[in-house]
């Protein structure tokens, strides 16, 4: 019985829900959970006994994906069914028929109108966040799900920032279970986990595809997920300068803001417009002032940074004092903000638009990138304070913007 060895996120929640969203990373066992749920709906105690559902809709991005993944895949309905309960596939009618007469019909999200007319008492929608016509297909499925006393549907998907998925999750009749890719490691090739974690762990894309986190790009944000993924590089070239920038938290403790600590290097060769920056690491921490001071100095040592720069608007002289408690000789520069966070961030965002800033894979930049995608011209639209973004802005201002402004400034000669 599947329920005896299933992972917690693969089991249906209790209660009279309408939609169950199984959201997880790649390989987290979502397909198996969907297939087993369909079996639990259509099968009775014995092979010929009726189940709770008699007509099921199977909806995927394309018809081929419904057939090859949801039905005949390694974790699909056919593979999960014992011989005496295994349904037959009628290719011409695109449907499964169980020994007890229950049926499941396959639909493509490219053809939402195909759902106009049929009616069902259960449905399984796979990878809904990838559907090109998601809104239309979902609406047609809801009109078709009208048989039985309490029709239900399960949605198995890797999260993406799409309106239909967010609307489903906000619905009071929706329940959700969640798991990262790693939760299903016992059934995944070790080489697969090593490869994807080495390539994507700590990135914003990794948070979506491996951790199964729904990332929300705020409308009007200065940065987007797509742009940041396009800025990803495997390694940095030889760098001319490296700095560690700190946006300090003045208080410590679990409820305090994080201290943003970001390491950035730059290649400053050729004309100003050819200067390039590389974000090497997000070393941000939450803790007492001495904790972030130690973390910042440790980041300097890891990367051979020449200088530590820190905003002192709130902490004043205390910021430098705390840092020098840890290392009295550290090269330090105090920075004071004369403009708001968004105003300071806009010229930095322009550097990204010009392709002049790259993000190093393996730099644990996922949380930083989350904050970046919530920073708008109106201000920060995430929770708390954008301390990581502030540190990034200070680093790029120190390495690129201020030197470039000085370089371009006309020299006034005396008479």
Protein backbone atom coordinates (compact mmCIF):
# COMPACT_ATOMS: atom_id res chain seq x y z
CA UNK A 1 0.00 0.00 0.00
CA UNK A 2 1.38 3.35 -1.09
CA UNK A 3 0.38 5.18 2.08
CA UNK A 4 2.67 3.00 4.21
CA UNK A 5 5.89 4.15 2.51
CA UNK A 6 4.86 7.44 0.87
CA UNK A 7 6.60 10.65 1.85
CA UNK A 8 4.45 13.13 3.84
CA UNK A 9 4.00 15.50 0.90
CA UNK A 10 2.66 12.64 -1.24
CA UNK A 11 -0.33 11.94 1.01
CA UNK A 12 -3.62 13.85 0.67
CA UNK A 13 -4.34 16.30 3.52
CA UNK A 14 -7.40 15.77 5.67
CA UNK A 15 -10.53 17.86 5.20
CA UNK A 16 -13.11 18.72 2.55
CA UNK A 17 -10.74 20.46 0.15
CA UNK A 18 -11.48 21.04 -3.55
CA UNK A 19 -7.91 21.36 -4.87
CA UNK A 20 -4.74 19.75 -3.57
CA UNK A 21 -1.55 21.35 -4.87
CA UNK A 22 1.57 19.18 -4.61
CA UNK A 23 4.38 21.66 -5.13
CA UNK A 24 7.95 20.49 -5.18
CA UNK A 25 11.33 20.47 -6.84
CA UNK A 26 12.32 18.35 -9.80
CA UNK A 27 12.19 14.67 -8.93
CA UNK A 28 10.41 15.24 -5.61
CA UNK A 29 7.89 12.46 -6.31
CA UNK A 30 5.00 14.63 -7.50
CA UNK A 31 4.05 12.38 -10.44
CA UNK A 32 3.91 9.29 -8.28
CA UNK A 33 1.70 11.10 -5.78
CA UNK A 34 -0.67 12.18 -8.54
CA UNK A 35 -0.88 8.71 -10.04
CA UNK A 36 -1.52 7.07 -6.67
CA UNK A 37 -4.21 9.64 -5.86
CA UNK A 38 -6.03 8.82 -9.11
CA UNK A 39 -5.84 5.11 -8.27
CA UNK A 40 -7.23 5.78 -4.80
CA UNK A 41 -10.18 7.62 -6.34
CA UNK A 42 -11.19 5.06 -8.97
CA UNK A 43 -10.39 1.74 -7.26
CA UNK A 44 -12.65 -0.06 -4.82
CA UNK A 45 -11.82 -2.66 -2.18
CA UNK A 46 -11.71 -5.38 -4.86
CA UNK A 47 -10.73 -5.02 -8.54
CA UNK A 48 -14.35 -4.92 -9.78
CA UNK A 49 -15.75 -2.81 -6.93
CA UNK A 50 -16.57 0.83 -7.73
CA UNK A 51 -14.43 3.60 -6.28
CA UNK A 52 -15.31 7.12 -5.22
CA UNK A 53 -14.75 8.49 -8.73
CA UNK A 54 -15.96 7.12 -12.07
CA UNK A 55 -14.74 9.75 -14.54
CA UNK A 56 -11.33 11.39 -14.26
CA UNK A 57 -9.72 14.14 -16.36
CA UNK A 58 -5.96 13.89 -16.89
CA UNK A 59 -4.62 17.26 -18.06
CA UNK A 60 -1.01 18.01 -19.01
CA UNK A 61 0.87 20.59 -21.04
CA UNK A 62 0.53 18.43 -24.18
CA UNK A 63 -1.25 15.18 -24.99
CA UNK A 64 2.11 13.44 -25.43
CA UNK A 65 3.15 14.43 -21.91
CA UNK A 66 -0.10 13.11 -20.47
CA UNK A 67 0.46 9.78 -22.21
CA UNK A 68 4.23 9.48 -21.70
CA UNK A 69 4.48 10.83 -18.14
CA UNK A 70 1.13 10.65 -16.36
CA UNK A 71 -0.03 7.35 -17.86
CA UNK A 72 2.96 5.33 -19.13
CA UNK A 73 5.80 7.03 -17.26
CA UNK A 74 7.98 5.28 -14.68
CA UNK A 75 5.83 6.84 -11.95
CA UNK A 76 2.62 6.97 -14.00
CA UNK A 77 -0.72 5.26 -13.51
CA UNK A 78 0.10 2.07 -15.43
CA UNK A 79 3.40 1.50 -13.61
CA UNK A 80 1.75 2.05 -10.21
CA UNK A 81 -1.15 -0.34 -10.79
CA UNK A 82 -1.02 -4.04 -9.79
CA UNK A 83 -1.94 -6.48 -12.60
CA UNK A 84 -5.50 -7.16 -11.39
CA UNK A 85 -6.30 -3.42 -11.23
CA UNK A 86 -4.31 -2.19 -14.21
CA UNK A 87 -6.41 -0.10 -16.63
CA UNK A 88 -6.39 -0.63 -20.38
CA UNK A 89 -5.32 2.19 -22.68
CA UNK A 90 -7.61 2.99 -25.61
CA UNK A 91 -5.32 5.07 -27.84
CA UNK A 92 -8.01 6.11 -30.33
CA UNK A 93 -10.22 7.52 -27.56
CA UNK A 94 -7.29 8.75 -25.45
CA UNK A 95 -8.61 7.17 -22.31
CA UNK A 96 -7.92 4.57 -19.64
CA UNK A 97 -10.55 2.02 -18.61
CA UNK A 98 -10.27 0.19 -15.28
CA UNK A 99 -11.65 -3.32 -14.64
CA UNK A 100 -14.48 -1.75 -12.61
CA UNK A 101 -15.54 0.50 -15.50
CA UNK A 102 -14.01 3.76 -14.27
CA UNK A 103 -12.40 5.88 -16.98
CA UNK A 104 -9.73 8.59 -17.22
CA UNK A 105 -9.56 10.80 -20.30
CA UNK A 106 -6.41 12.61 -21.48
CA UNK A 107 -6.44 16.31 -22.37
CA UNK A 108 -3.85 18.81 -23.60
CA UNK A 109 -3.63 22.29 -22.11
CA UNK A 110 -3.05 23.52 -25.66
CA UNK A 111 -6.69 22.66 -26.42
CA UNK A 112 -8.81 24.06 -23.57
CA UNK A 113 -12.00 23.87 -25.66
CA UNK A 114 -11.73 20.04 -25.60
CA UNK A 115 -12.86 20.26 -21.96
CA UNK A 116 -16.08 21.96 -23.00
CA UNK A 117 -18.77 19.26 -22.84
CA UNK A 118 -17.25 16.35 -20.86
CA UNK A 119 -17.91 16.14 -17.12
CA UNK A 120 -15.89 14.56 -14.32
CA UNK A 121 -15.85 13.82 -10.61
CA UNK A 122 -12.03 13.96 -10.26
CA UNK A 123 -9.08 15.48 -12.12
CA UNK A 124 -5.29 15.41 -12.12
CA UNK A 125 -3.48 18.43 -13.60
CA UNK A 126 0.27 18.00 -14.09
CA UNK A 127 2.86 20.81 -14.36
CA UNK A 128 0.14 23.45 -14.51
CA UNK A 129 2.68 26.26 -14.12
CA UNK A 130 4.11 25.37 -17.56
CA UNK A 131 0.82 25.46 -19.48
CA UNK A 132 0.78 28.02 -22.30
CA UNK A 133 -3.01 28.45 -22.04
CA UNK A 134 -3.20 27.90 -18.29
CA UNK A 135 -6.02 30.31 -17.47
CA UNK A 136 -8.35 29.08 -20.21
CA UNK A 137 -7.64 25.40 -19.57
CA UNK A 138 -8.06 25.75 -15.82
CA UNK A 139 -11.37 27.56 -16.23
CA UNK A 140 -12.72 24.90 -18.61
CA UNK A 141 -11.63 22.16 -16.19
CA UNK A 142 -13.52 23.80 -13.33
CA UNK A 143 -16.74 23.87 -15.35
CA UNK A 144 -16.24 20.19 -16.24
CA UNK A 145 -15.59 19.06 -12.66
CA UNK A 146 -19.25 18.78 -11.69
CA UNK A 147 -20.10 15.12 -11.02
CA UNK A 148 -20.51 13.38 -7.66
CA UNK A 149 -21.07 14.76 -4.19
CA UNK A 150 -17.68 16.45 -3.81
CA UNK A 151 -15.46 16.50 -6.94
CA UNK A 152 -11.79 17.01 -6.21
CA UNK A 153 -8.61 17.67 -8.19
CA UNK A 154 -4.89 17.35 -7.59
CA UNK A 155 -2.31 19.64 -9.14
CA UNK A 156 1.29 18.43 -9.35
CA UNK A 157 3.72 21.16 -10.36
CA UNK A 158 7.11 22.71 -10.00
CA UNK A 159 6.31 26.29 -8.97
CA UNK A 160 6.52 29.21 -11.35
CA UNK A 161 5.40 32.77 -10.94
CA UNK A 162 2.16 32.46 -12.94
CA UNK A 163 -1.15 34.09 -12.06
CA UNK A 164 -3.29 30.95 -12.27
CA UNK A 165 -1.16 29.04 -9.77
CA UNK A 166 -1.11 31.94 -7.32
CA UNK A 167 -4.89 32.27 -7.62
CA UNK A 168 -5.39 28.57 -6.91
CA UNK A 169 -3.17 28.76 -3.84
CA UNK A 170 -5.14 31.73 -2.49
CA UNK A 171 -8.46 29.91 -2.83
CA UNK A 172 -9.83 28.89 0.62
CA UNK A 173 -10.74 25.45 -0.73
CA UNK A 174 -7.12 24.71 -1.70
CA UNK A 175 -4.63 22.75 0.39
CA UNK A 176 -0.94 22.36 -0.40
CA UNK A 177 1.90 19.99 0.37
CA UNK A 178 5.49 20.82 -0.50
CA UNK A 179 8.86 19.11 -0.76
CA UNK A 180 12.30 19.85 -2.23
CA UNK A 181 14.04 17.52 -4.65
CA UNK A 182 16.24 16.24 -1.83
CA UNK A 183 13.23 14.78 0.02
CA UNK A 184 13.05 12.03 -2.60
CA UNK A 185 16.80 11.33 -2.72
CA UNK A 186 16.34 7.62 -1.98
CA UNK A 187 14.74 7.20 -5.42
CA UNK A 188 17.04 9.50 -7.41
CA UNK A 189 20.45 8.82 -8.95
CA UNK A 190 23.21 10.19 -6.74
CA UNK A 191 24.93 11.63 -9.81
CA UNK A 192 21.77 13.57 -10.71
CA UNK A 193 21.59 15.16 -7.26
CA UNK A 194 25.27 16.00 -7.25
CA UNK A 195 25.10 17.59 -10.68
CA UNK A 196 21.98 19.73 -10.17
CA UNK A 197 23.00 20.80 -6.69
CA UNK A 198 26.48 21.76 -7.85
CA UNK A 199 25.00 23.76 -10.71
CA UNK A 200 21.93 25.35 -9.15
CA UNK A 201 22.15 25.20 -5.33
CA UNK A 202 22.04 28.67 -3.82
CA UNK A 203 20.65 30.30 -6.98
CA UNK A 204 17.21 31.77 -7.48
CA UNK A 205 16.49 29.16 -10.17
CA UNK A 206 17.60 26.47 -7.72
CA UNK A 207 15.14 27.72 -5.14
CA UNK A 208 12.39 27.22 -7.70
CA UNK A 209 13.48 24.01 -9.42
CA UNK A 210 15.16 22.19 -6.49
CA UNK A 211 13.54 23.61 -3.37
CA UNK A 212 10.11 23.97 -4.96
CA UNK A 213 9.68 27.54 -3.72
CA UNK A 214 7.20 29.80 -5.51
CA UNK A 215 9.20 32.89 -6.40
CA UNK A 216 7.21 36.07 -6.84
CA UNK A 217 8.61 38.67 -9.24
CA UNK A 218 6.99 41.92 -8.18
CA UNK A 219 5.49 44.03 -10.95
CA UNK A 220 7.86 46.87 -11.81
CA UNK A 221 10.84 45.27 -10.08
CA UNK A 222 14.28 46.58 -10.99
CA UNK A 223 15.45 42.99 -11.56
CA UNK A 224 13.67 39.87 -12.84
CA UNK A 225 14.38 36.16 -12.47
CA UNK A 226 15.03 35.80 -16.20
CA UNK A 227 17.53 38.64 -16.27
CA UNK A 228 19.41 37.30 -13.26
CA UNK A 229 19.62 33.80 -14.74
CA UNK A 230 21.02 35.33 -17.93
CA UNK A 231 23.71 37.01 -15.81
CA UNK A 232 24.96 33.70 -14.37
CA UNK A 233 28.58 32.64 -15.03
CA UNK A 234 30.56 29.56 -14.02
CA UNK A 235 33.62 31.44 -12.82
CA UNK A 236 35.03 34.94 -12.58
CA UNK A 237 38.07 36.09 -14.57
CA UNK A 238 41.13 37.65 -13.00
CA UNK A 239 39.84 40.61 -11.02
CA UNK A 240 41.50 43.96 -10.42
CA UNK A 241 39.63 44.87 -7.22
CA UNK A 242 37.48 42.99 -4.69
CA UNK A 243 35.49 44.57 -1.88
CA UNK A 244 33.21 43.30 0.85
CA UNK A 245 30.22 45.57 1.42
CA UNK A 246 28.23 45.54 4.66
CA UNK A 247 24.78 46.89 5.44
CA UNK A 248 24.95 46.41 9.22
CA UNK A 249 22.15 45.56 11.59
CA UNK A 250 22.56 47.69 14.69
CA UNK A 251 20.71 45.33 17.02
CA UNK A 252 21.13 41.58 17.36
CA UNK A 253 18.86 38.64 18.05
CA UNK A 254 16.36 36.45 16.25
CA UNK A 255 13.94 39.32 15.58
CA UNK A 256 16.54 41.72 14.19
CA UNK A 257 17.15 42.43 10.52
CA UNK A 258 19.88 40.51 8.76
CA UNK A 259 23.23 42.10 8.17
CA UNK A 260 23.80 42.24 4.43
CA UNK A 261 27.32 41.11 3.50
CA UNK A 262 28.09 40.83 -0.22
CA UNK A 263 31.42 40.21 -1.95
CA UNK A 264 31.93 41.78 -5.37
CA UNK A 265 34.96 41.93 -7.66
CA UNK A 266 35.61 44.04 -10.74
CA UNK A 267 37.65 44.07 -13.93
CA UNK A 268 38.61 47.69 -14.55
CA UNK A 269 40.38 47.52 -17.90
CA UNK A 270 39.86 49.62 -20.99
CA UNK A 271 37.25 52.39 -21.31
CA UNK A 272 34.81 52.97 -18.47
CA UNK A 273 31.93 51.41 -20.39
CA UNK A 274 33.84 48.14 -20.58
CA UNK A 275 34.34 47.75 -16.83
CA UNK A 276 32.69 44.60 -15.51
CA UNK A 277 31.67 43.42 -12.02
CA UNK A 278 31.19 39.91 -10.64
CA UNK A 279 29.08 39.15 -7.56
CA UNK A 280 31.09 36.43 -5.84
CA UNK A 281 29.24 35.60 -2.62
CA UNK A 282 26.36 36.54 -0.35
CA UNK A 283 27.71 36.04 3.16
CA UNK A 284 24.84 37.77 5.00
CA UNK A 285 24.11 36.70 8.58
CA UNK A 286 21.72 37.44 11.42
CA UNK A 287 23.22 37.97 14.87
CA UNK A 288 25.02 40.34 17.18
CA UNK A 289 27.27 43.08 15.78
CA UNK A 290 30.34 41.02 16.55
CA UNK A 291 28.83 38.11 14.59
CA UNK A 292 28.43 40.10 11.38
CA UNK A 293 31.81 41.75 11.85
CA UNK A 294 33.47 38.32 12.04
CA UNK A 295 31.50 37.11 9.01
CA UNK A 296 32.52 40.15 6.96
CA UNK A 297 36.20 39.82 7.80
CA UNK A 298 36.09 36.09 7.10
CA UNK A 299 34.60 36.87 3.67
CA UNK A 300 37.48 39.28 3.03
CA UNK A 301 39.98 36.56 3.82
CA UNK A 302 38.23 33.98 1.61
CA UNK A 303 38.28 36.24 -1.43
CA UNK A 304 41.41 38.30 -0.83
CA UNK A 305 39.37 41.52 -0.72
CA UNK A 306 41.26 44.80 -0.49
CA UNK A 307 38.69 46.75 1.48
CA UNK A 308 35.59 46.52 3.65
CA UNK A 309 32.95 49.20 3.03
CA UNK A 310 29.95 49.69 5.30
CA UNK A 311 26.95 51.99 5.60
CA UNK A 312 27.09 53.97 8.86
CA UNK A 313 23.83 55.95 8.70
CA UNK A 314 22.34 54.05 11.63
CA UNK A 315 25.31 52.73 13.54
CA UNK A 316 27.66 55.69 13.14
CA UNK A 317 31.09 55.21 14.66
CA UNK A 318 29.88 51.99 16.30
CA UNK A 319 30.11 50.17 12.98
CA UNK A 320 33.83 50.78 12.53
CA UNK A 321 34.43 50.22 16.24
CA UNK A 322 32.87 46.75 16.14
CA UNK A 323 34.82 45.80 13.03
CA UNK A 324 38.10 46.94 14.54
CA UNK A 325 37.41 44.84 17.64
CA UNK A 326 37.77 41.84 15.36
CA UNK A 327 40.61 43.18 13.17
CA UNK A 328 42.19 46.53 14.17
CA UNK A 329 44.07 46.82 10.87
CA UNK A 330 41.30 46.03 8.40
CA UNK A 331 41.11 48.52 5.49
CA UNK A 332 37.74 50.18 6.12
CA UNK A 333 35.63 52.85 4.43
CA UNK A 334 32.50 54.35 5.98
CA UNK A 335 29.65 55.18 3.60
CA UNK A 336 26.69 57.47 4.21
CA UNK A 337 23.46 57.27 2.23
CA UNK A 338 22.19 60.60 0.95
CA UNK A 339 19.32 59.12 -1.06
CA UNK A 340 16.66 56.46 -0.53
CA UNK A 341 17.26 52.78 -1.19
CA UNK A 342 15.42 52.70 -4.51
CA UNK A 343 17.19 55.79 -5.83
CA UNK A 344 20.55 54.24 -4.97
CA UNK A 345 19.56 50.91 -6.55
CA UNK A 346 18.40 52.28 -9.92
CA UNK A 347 21.87 53.05 -11.39
CA UNK A 348 23.04 49.64 -10.22
CA UNK A 349 20.09 48.02 -11.99
CA UNK A 350 21.15 49.92 -15.11
CA UNK A 351 24.56 48.20 -14.94
CA UNK A 352 22.75 44.84 -15.05
CA UNK A 353 20.68 45.97 -18.06
CA UNK A 354 23.94 46.80 -19.84
CA UNK A 355 25.21 43.27 -19.13
CA UNK A 356 28.06 44.60 -17.00
CA UNK A 357 27.33 42.63 -13.80
CA UNK A 358 27.51 38.84 -13.57
CA UNK A 359 26.55 36.44 -10.76
CA UNK A 360 28.90 33.59 -9.89
CA UNK A 361 27.36 30.13 -9.69
CA UNK A 362 28.01 28.65 -6.27
CA UNK A 363 28.00 32.06 -4.59
CA UNK A 364 24.87 31.29 -2.52
CA UNK A 365 23.08 34.21 -4.15
CA UNK A 366 19.50 32.89 -4.05
CA UNK A 367 18.31 34.94 -1.07
CA UNK A 368 20.01 38.07 -2.44
CA UNK A 369 18.29 37.56 -5.80
CA UNK A 370 14.93 37.10 -4.06
CA UNK A 371 15.33 40.55 -2.53
CA UNK A 372 16.48 42.04 -5.84
CA UNK A 373 13.30 40.84 -7.55
CA UNK A 374 11.20 42.68 -4.94
CA UNK A 375 13.00 46.02 -5.21
CA UNK A 376 11.03 48.54 -7.28
CA UNK A 377 11.18 52.25 -7.99
CA UNK A 378 8.42 52.58 -5.36
CA UNK A 379 10.54 50.89 -2.72
CA UNK A 380 11.13 47.37 -1.40
CA UNK A 381 7.98 45.24 -1.60
CA UNK A 382 9.20 42.25 0.37
CA UNK A 383 9.29 41.50 4.06
CA UNK A 384 11.69 43.27 6.36
CA UNK A 385 14.56 45.33 5.04
CA UNK A 386 16.51 44.65 1.80
CA UNK A 387 19.84 44.43 3.61
CA UNK A 388 21.43 42.12 1.04
CA UNK A 389 20.47 44.42 -1.84
CA UNK A 390 21.79 47.43 0.08
CA UNK A 391 25.16 45.71 0.50
CA UNK A 392 25.21 44.82 -3.21
CA UNK A 393 24.45 48.43 -4.14
CA UNK A 394 27.22 49.75 -1.91
CA UNK A 395 29.74 47.29 -3.39
CA UNK A 396 28.91 48.16 -7.01
CA UNK A 397 28.84 51.87 -6.19
CA UNK A 398 32.31 51.59 -4.68
CA UNK A 399 33.76 49.50 -7.52
CA UNK A 400 32.06 50.86 -10.65
CA UNK A 401 29.76 53.87 -10.24
CA UNK A 402 31.90 56.22 -8.16
CA UNK A 403 35.19 55.54 -10.01
CA UNK A 404 33.38 55.91 -13.35
CA UNK A 405 31.85 59.24 -12.28
CA UNK A 406 35.28 60.50 -11.23
CA UNK A 407 36.80 59.27 -14.50
CA UNK A 408 34.23 61.18 -16.57
CA UNK A 409 34.30 64.35 -14.48
CA UNK A 410 35.91 67.15 -16.51
CA UNK A 411 39.14 68.53 -15.12
CA UNK A 412 39.02 72.33 -14.60
CA UNK A 413 42.37 73.95 -15.22
CA UNK A 414 43.32 77.19 -13.55
CA UNK A 415 44.25 80.25 -15.65
